[in-house]
Amino acid sequence: MSAKPITGAIIQHGPEYFDKKKSLDKAVELARTAVSKGANYIVFGETWLSGYPAWLDYCPEVAFWDHQPVKDVFLKMHENGIIIPGPETDLLCKLAKELKVGICMGANEIVKKGTKNGTIFNSLILINEKGHLVNHHRKLMPTFTERMFYGQGDGHGLKSAEVHGAQVGGLICWEHWMPLARQAMHNSGEQVHAAVWPNVHELLQVASRSYAFEGRCFVLAAGQIMKASEIPGEIELPQKYKDDPNQLILKGGSAIIGPNGKYLVEPVYDKEDILVAELDLGEVIKEKMSLDVTGHYQREDVFELKVNDRRL
């Protein structure tokens, strides 16, 4: 294991909703800003390209059968989804190589040909500092209302990959409540973990800190910012959002956590920001002395974990 520190950053900015070109342009600008602050590993939030469908939890009528406005929005999401690999990931790979930076990006993924060509996946990609796409994970289980829009993922992306000498991995939102998914990631040797969320409220802070403590790894918990005015116009808004379109639907809460479960950067709410911290990988080994769930604190003679890592 490398003990050389890396500097991680979280981009707590919203994308340009339903516009993947403008979102990519914004991602390039934000990545350059993060690098100017010293970052060499950057995390964007859940489905940042091109936006998390937060209105599913806030707006009435979204679950009505055969509701034309929501079908229109689903079409917009699909049209602004990305193919992985594809032109958008090529652009991000080129940027990563130019800046010598690792990039973790959430995306609405589509498939153009063959099976699943009408399904959107909630996906997370990892690009290393050499510009290589080194991991592609699809969220295993869309959470509650997300099941209207997203398909189920698979175990192919339950692994870590090297970025600047560190083993880096990630999970999406409520996958952090799936014990076996966590263990699979711990077994991959993670030193730095991206926990991507739409909004890192109190209970999700608990999940992020618990993951850091359990896995003895650094956690970059990435939240997002979204205004009521950014909810698609086709969808009926609750009155309180009509009265105050600048009200925040997603309030951020991004934080950077050490392998002892303590904050390196406290949660930031209610504003766009870029959070940066140096991650001393030696701290990972120090904390494993008392708890290593992949080694001396794992009873392989009692428990057995088998992961189907085939792309389904």
Protein backbone atom coordinates (compact mmCIF):
# COMPACT_ATOMS: atom_id res chain seq x y z
CA MET A 1 0.00 0.00 0.00
CA SER A 2 1.17 3.49 -0.82
CA ALA A 3 1.53 5.87 2.13
CA LYS A 4 1.92 8.95 -0.07
CA PRO A 5 -0.85 11.48 0.69
CA ILE A 6 -3.35 12.49 -1.95
CA THR A 7 -5.57 15.56 -1.86
CA GLY A 8 -9.27 14.93 -2.27
CA ALA A 9 -11.98 17.40 -3.26
CA ILE A 10 -15.79 17.33 -3.33
CA ILE A 11 -17.67 19.45 -5.85
CA GLN A 12 -20.78 20.69 -4.04
CA HIS A 13 -22.32 22.46 -7.01
CA GLY A 14 -25.39 21.55 -8.98
CA PRO A 15 -25.19 20.58 -12.65
CA GLU A 16 -27.07 22.26 -15.48
CA TYR A 17 -30.20 20.13 -15.18
CA PHE A 18 -31.30 18.29 -18.33
CA ASP A 19 -28.37 19.64 -20.32
CA LYS A 20 -25.41 17.26 -20.49
CA LYS A 21 -23.33 19.56 -22.71
CA LYS A 22 -23.60 22.53 -20.34
CA SER A 23 -23.14 20.19 -17.35
CA LEU A 24 -19.93 18.84 -18.86
CA ASP A 25 -18.69 22.37 -19.53
CA LYS A 26 -19.42 23.21 -15.91
CA ALA A 27 -17.70 20.03 -14.68
CA VAL A 28 -14.55 20.98 -16.62
CA GLU A 29 -14.51 24.45 -15.09
CA LEU A 30 -15.13 23.13 -11.56
CA ALA A 31 -12.45 20.45 -11.93
CA ARG A 32 -9.91 23.07 -12.97
CA THR A 33 -10.86 25.17 -9.94
CA ALA A 34 -10.47 22.16 -7.61
CA VAL A 35 -7.02 21.41 -9.07
CA SER A 36 -6.02 25.03 -8.52
CA LYS A 37 -6.84 24.42 -4.83
CA GLY A 38 -4.42 21.49 -4.76
CA ALA A 39 -6.77 18.57 -5.46
CA ASN A 40 -5.61 15.52 -7.39
CA TYR A 41 -8.77 13.46 -6.80
CA ILE A 42 -12.23 14.97 -7.34
CA VAL A 43 -15.70 13.65 -6.49
CA PHE A 44 -18.97 14.82 -8.05
CA GLY A 45 -22.36 13.80 -6.61
CA GLU A 46 -24.97 11.17 -7.43
CA THR A 47 -26.16 11.34 -11.08
CA TRP A 48 -24.44 14.73 -11.43
CA LEU A 49 -24.65 14.26 -15.20
CA SER A 50 -27.25 15.66 -15.67
CA GLY A 51 -29.12 15.83 -12.41
CA TYR A 52 -30.70 13.82 -9.62
CA PRO A 53 -34.55 13.56 -9.86
CA ALA A 54 -35.20 14.96 -6.39
CA TRP A 55 -38.72 16.03 -7.36
CA LEU A 56 -39.78 12.38 -7.04
CA ASP A 57 -39.82 12.91 -3.28
CA TYR A 58 -41.33 16.39 -3.15
CA CYS A 59 -43.89 16.87 -5.91
CA PRO A 60 -47.46 15.53 -6.03
CA GLU A 61 -48.79 13.48 -8.96
CA VAL A 62 -45.39 12.08 -10.02
CA ALA A 63 -46.55 8.50 -9.35
CA PHE A 64 -49.87 8.72 -11.19
CA TRP A 65 -50.28 5.96 -13.76
CA ASP A 66 -49.66 7.03 -17.37
CA HIS A 67 -49.02 10.62 -16.24
CA GLN A 68 -47.85 12.47 -19.37
CA PRO A 69 -45.80 15.22 -17.65
CA VAL A 70 -43.62 12.66 -15.83
CA LYS A 71 -43.19 10.64 -19.03
CA ASP A 72 -42.03 13.85 -20.72
CA VAL A 73 -39.47 14.38 -17.95
CA PHE A 74 -38.30 10.77 -18.22
CA LEU A 75 -37.69 11.39 -21.91
CA LYS A 76 -35.60 14.47 -21.07
CA MET A 77 -33.56 12.46 -18.60
CA HIS A 78 -33.00 9.73 -21.18
CA GLU A 79 -32.01 12.21 -23.89
CA ASN A 80 -29.45 13.74 -21.52
CA GLY A 81 -28.13 10.42 -20.24
CA ILE A 82 -24.66 9.28 -21.23
CA ILE A 83 -23.29 6.08 -22.75
CA ILE A 84 -20.44 4.51 -20.76
CA PRO A 85 -17.94 4.50 -22.37
CA GLY A 86 -18.91 7.20 -24.82
CA PRO A 87 -18.19 10.78 -25.94
CA GLU A 88 -18.81 12.27 -22.49
CA THR A 89 -16.52 9.84 -20.69
CA ASP A 90 -13.91 10.39 -23.42
CA LEU A 91 -14.00 14.11 -22.64
CA LEU A 92 -13.63 13.47 -18.90
CA CYS A 93 -10.77 11.03 -19.50
CA LYS A 94 -8.97 13.62 -21.60
CA LEU A 95 -9.49 16.22 -18.85
CA ALA A 96 -8.21 13.85 -16.15
CA LYS A 97 -5.06 13.11 -18.13
CA GLU A 98 -4.46 16.81 -18.84
CA LEU A 99 -4.88 17.81 -15.18
CA LYS A 100 -3.30 14.60 -13.80
CA VAL A 101 -6.32 14.21 -11.56
CA GLY A 102 -8.64 11.33 -10.63
CA ILE A 103 -12.33 11.97 -11.26
CA CYS A 104 -15.31 10.19 -9.68
CA MET A 105 -18.54 11.17 -11.45
CA GLY A 106 -22.18 10.19 -10.94
CA ALA A 107 -24.27 9.94 -14.10
CA ASN A 108 -27.60 8.99 -15.57
CA GLU A 109 -26.46 6.18 -17.87
CA ILE A 110 -28.32 4.93 -20.94
CA VAL A 111 -27.79 2.01 -23.29
CA LYS A 112 -28.37 2.74 -26.98
CA LYS A 113 -28.37 -0.76 -28.48
CA GLY A 114 -29.50 -4.22 -27.44
CA THR A 115 -31.19 -5.10 -24.18
CA LYS A 116 -31.99 -2.42 -21.59
CA ASN A 117 -32.07 0.28 -24.30
CA GLY A 118 -35.03 2.01 -22.64
CA THR A 119 -33.67 1.91 -19.10
CA ILE A 120 -31.70 4.55 -17.17
CA PHE A 121 -29.04 3.42 -14.70
CA ASN A 122 -27.84 5.40 -11.70
CA SER A 123 -24.12 4.97 -12.33
CA LEU A 124 -20.75 5.97 -10.90
CA ILE A 125 -17.55 6.08 -12.92
CA LEU A 126 -13.94 6.39 -11.82
CA ILE A 127 -11.21 7.80 -14.06
CA ASN A 128 -7.57 7.74 -12.97
CA GLU A 129 -4.93 10.45 -13.39
CA LYS A 130 -3.70 8.79 -16.59
CA GLY A 131 -7.09 9.33 -18.21
CA HIS A 132 -8.23 5.70 -18.03
CA LEU A 133 -11.79 4.70 -17.14
CA VAL A 134 -10.92 2.22 -14.39
CA ASN A 135 -14.34 1.47 -12.87
CA HIS A 136 -18.00 1.66 -13.87
CA HIS A 137 -20.58 0.87 -11.17
CA ARG A 138 -24.35 0.74 -11.52
CA LYS A 139 -26.41 1.27 -8.38
CA LEU A 140 -27.54 -2.15 -7.18
CA MET A 141 -30.99 -1.17 -5.93
CA PRO A 142 -32.77 2.08 -6.80
CA THR A 143 -34.23 3.48 -3.60
CA PHE A 144 -38.01 3.80 -3.16
CA THR A 145 -39.31 6.41 -5.66
CA GLU A 146 -36.15 6.01 -7.79
CA ARG A 147 -37.55 2.66 -8.96
CA MET A 148 -39.90 4.59 -11.25
CA PHE A 149 -36.93 5.86 -13.26
CA TYR A 150 -33.95 3.55 -12.74
CA GLY A 151 -33.07 -0.07 -13.45
CA GLN A 152 -31.22 -2.42 -11.10
CA GLY A 153 -27.45 -2.56 -11.38
CA ASP A 154 -25.03 -5.43 -10.82
CA GLY A 155 -21.87 -6.39 -8.94
CA HIS A 156 -19.42 -5.59 -11.73
CA GLY A 157 -18.39 -2.27 -10.19
CA LEU A 158 -18.01 -3.47 -6.59
CA LYS A 159 -14.26 -2.95 -6.58
CA SER A 160 -11.59 -0.32 -6.08
CA ALA A 161 -8.93 0.91 -8.49
CA GLU A 162 -5.67 2.78 -8.16
CA VAL A 163 -5.58 6.57 -8.37
CA HIS A 164 -2.31 8.32 -7.51
CA GLY A 165 -1.14 5.21 -5.67
CA ALA A 166 -4.28 4.92 -3.52
CA GLN A 167 -7.01 2.29 -3.78
CA VAL A 168 -10.16 4.26 -4.52
CA GLY A 169 -13.77 3.07 -4.69
CA GLY A 170 -17.32 4.28 -4.20
CA LEU A 171 -20.94 3.46 -3.48
CA ILE A 172 -24.15 5.28 -4.32
CA CYS A 173 -26.55 6.57 -1.68
CA TRP A 174 -28.41 3.80 0.19
CA GLU A 175 -25.94 1.15 -0.96
CA HIS A 176 -24.20 2.29 2.24
CA TRP A 177 -27.02 0.53 4.13
CA MET A 178 -26.32 -2.77 2.30
CA PRO A 179 -23.95 -4.71 4.60
CA LEU A 180 -22.68 -7.12 1.95
CA ALA A 181 -22.03 -4.33 -0.55
CA ARG A 182 -19.97 -2.56 2.11
CA GLN A 183 -18.01 -5.72 2.87
CA ALA A 184 -17.32 -6.31 -0.82
CA MET A 185 -15.86 -2.82 -1.06
CA HIS A 186 -13.83 -3.24 2.13
CA ASN A 187 -12.43 -6.49 0.74
CA SER A 188 -11.28 -4.62 -2.37
CA GLY A 189 -8.71 -2.78 -0.24
CA GLU A 190 -10.24 0.71 -0.33
CA GLN A 191 -8.20 3.50 1.20
CA VAL A 192 -10.35 6.33 -0.16
CA HIS A 193 -14.11 5.98 -0.63
CA ALA A 194 -16.58 8.20 -2.48
CA ALA A 195 -20.01 8.18 -0.81
CA VAL A 196 -22.28 9.99 -3.27
CA TRP A 197 -25.68 11.23 -2.16
CA PRO A 198 -28.26 13.74 -3.36
CA ASN A 199 -28.31 15.40 0.08
CA VAL A 200 -26.19 14.36 3.10
CA HIS A 201 -28.65 14.89 5.94
CA GLU A 202 -28.02 13.77 9.53
CA LEU A 203 -28.70 10.05 9.11
CA LEU A 204 -26.55 9.93 5.98
CA GLN A 205 -23.75 11.64 7.91
CA VAL A 206 -24.04 8.69 10.31
CA ALA A 207 -23.79 6.23 7.41
CA SER A 208 -20.77 8.02 5.94
CA ARG A 209 -18.92 8.23 9.24
CA SER A 210 -19.77 4.64 10.09
CA TYR A 211 -18.44 3.50 6.70
CA ALA A 212 -15.15 5.33 7.32
CA PHE A 213 -14.79 3.76 10.78
CA GLU A 214 -15.82 0.28 9.67
CA GLY A 215 -13.69 0.24 6.53
CA ARG A 216 -10.78 2.19 8.03
CA CYS A 217 -10.72 4.48 5.00
CA PHE A 218 -11.18 8.12 4.12
CA VAL A 219 -14.71 8.97 2.98
CA LEU A 220 -15.63 11.86 0.73
CA ALA A 221 -19.37 12.23 1.31
CA ALA A 222 -20.68 14.27 -1.63
CA GLY A 223 -23.98 16.14 -1.45
CA GLN A 224 -25.56 18.47 -3.97
CA ILE A 225 -27.33 21.78 -4.33
CA MET A 226 -30.66 22.14 -6.13
CA LYS A 227 -33.18 24.99 -6.14
CA ALA A 228 -36.94 24.55 -6.47
CA SER A 229 -36.71 26.54 -9.69
CA GLU A 230 -34.60 23.74 -11.19
CA ILE A 231 -37.43 21.22 -10.93
CA PRO A 232 -38.65 20.54 -14.49
CA GLY A 233 -41.48 22.83 -15.57
CA GLU A 234 -43.70 19.94 -16.63
CA ILE A 235 -44.16 18.85 -13.02
CA GLU A 236 -46.61 20.47 -10.61
CA LEU A 237 -44.85 22.09 -7.66
CA PRO A 238 -46.10 22.16 -4.07
CA GLN A 239 -47.33 25.62 -3.14
CA LYS A 240 -44.38 26.34 -0.82
CA TYR A 241 -41.97 25.98 -3.74
CA LYS A 242 -44.15 28.09 -6.01
CA ASP A 243 -44.01 30.82 -3.37
CA ASP A 244 -40.23 30.59 -3.03
CA PRO A 245 -38.53 29.15 -6.15
CA ASN A 246 -35.09 29.94 -4.72
CA GLN A 247 -35.74 27.56 -1.82
CA LEU A 248 -33.25 24.71 -1.74
CA ILE A 249 -34.52 21.19 -2.43
CA LEU A 250 -31.06 19.68 -2.03
CA LYS A 251 -28.95 21.39 0.64
CA GLY A 252 -25.53 19.78 0.27
CA GLY A 253 -24.05 18.47 3.50
CA SER A 254 -20.79 17.37 1.89
CA ALA A 255 -18.02 16.36 4.33
CA ILE A 256 -14.63 14.67 4.37
CA ILE A 257 -14.11 11.99 7.03
CA GLY A 258 -10.99 10.25 8.32
CA PRO A 259 -10.53 6.48 8.86
CA ASN A 260 -11.24 6.98 12.57
CA GLY A 261 -14.74 8.26 11.73
CA LYS A 262 -13.96 11.87 12.62
CA TYR A 263 -14.45 14.85 10.34
CA LEU A 264 -11.49 16.32 8.48
CA VAL A 265 -13.88 18.83 6.90
CA GLU A 266 -17.18 19.44 8.70
CA PRO A 267 -20.44 19.24 6.70
CA VAL A 268 -21.22 22.27 4.56
CA TYR A 269 -24.88 23.11 4.01
CA ASP A 270 -26.97 25.56 2.01
CA LYS A 271 -24.31 26.80 -0.41
CA GLU A 272 -22.21 25.79 -3.35
CA ASP A 273 -18.63 25.04 -2.40
CA ILE A 274 -15.56 22.95 -3.13
CA LEU A 275 -14.27 21.02 -0.10
CA VAL A 276 -10.59 20.03 -0.08
CA ALA A 277 -8.45 17.99 2.32
CA GLU A 278 -5.14 16.15 2.30
CA LEU A 279 -5.58 12.42 2.90
CA ASP A 280 -2.62 10.81 4.69
CA LEU A 281 -2.88 7.17 3.70
CA GLY A 282 -0.69 6.14 6.61
CA GLU A 283 -3.67 6.85 8.86
CA VAL A 284 -5.52 3.97 7.17
CA ILE A 285 -2.92 1.47 8.35
CA LYS A 286 -2.74 2.95 11.85
CA GLU A 287 -6.49 2.51 12.35
CA LYS A 288 -6.42 -1.08 11.03
CA MET A 289 -4.32 -2.07 14.03
CA SER A 290 -7.46 -2.22 16.18
CA LEU A 291 -10.06 -3.05 13.52
CA ASP A 292 -9.47 -4.63 10.12
CA VAL A 293 -12.73 -6.12 8.80
CA THR A 294 -10.83 -7.62 5.86
CA GLY A 295 -8.16 -9.26 8.03
CA HIS A 296 -7.78 -9.94 11.72
CA TYR A 297 -11.37 -8.87 12.47
CA GLN A 298 -12.93 -11.05 9.76
CA ARG A 299 -13.82 -14.68 10.54
CA GLU A 300 -13.60 -16.39 7.17
CA ASP A 301 -13.98 -19.74 8.93
CA VAL A 302 -17.45 -18.61 10.01
CA PHE A 303 -18.62 -16.27 7.22
CA GLU A 304 -18.24 -16.47 3.45
CA LEU A 305 -19.02 -13.68 0.96
CA LYS A 306 -19.41 -14.50 -2.71
CA VAL A 307 -19.89 -11.66 -5.23
CA ASN A 308 -21.19 -12.11 -8.76
CA ASP A 309 -19.08 -9.49 -10.53
CA ARG A 310 -20.40 -10.24 -14.01
CA ARG A 311 -21.92 -7.35 -15.97
CA LEU A 312 -25.57 -8.37 -16.34
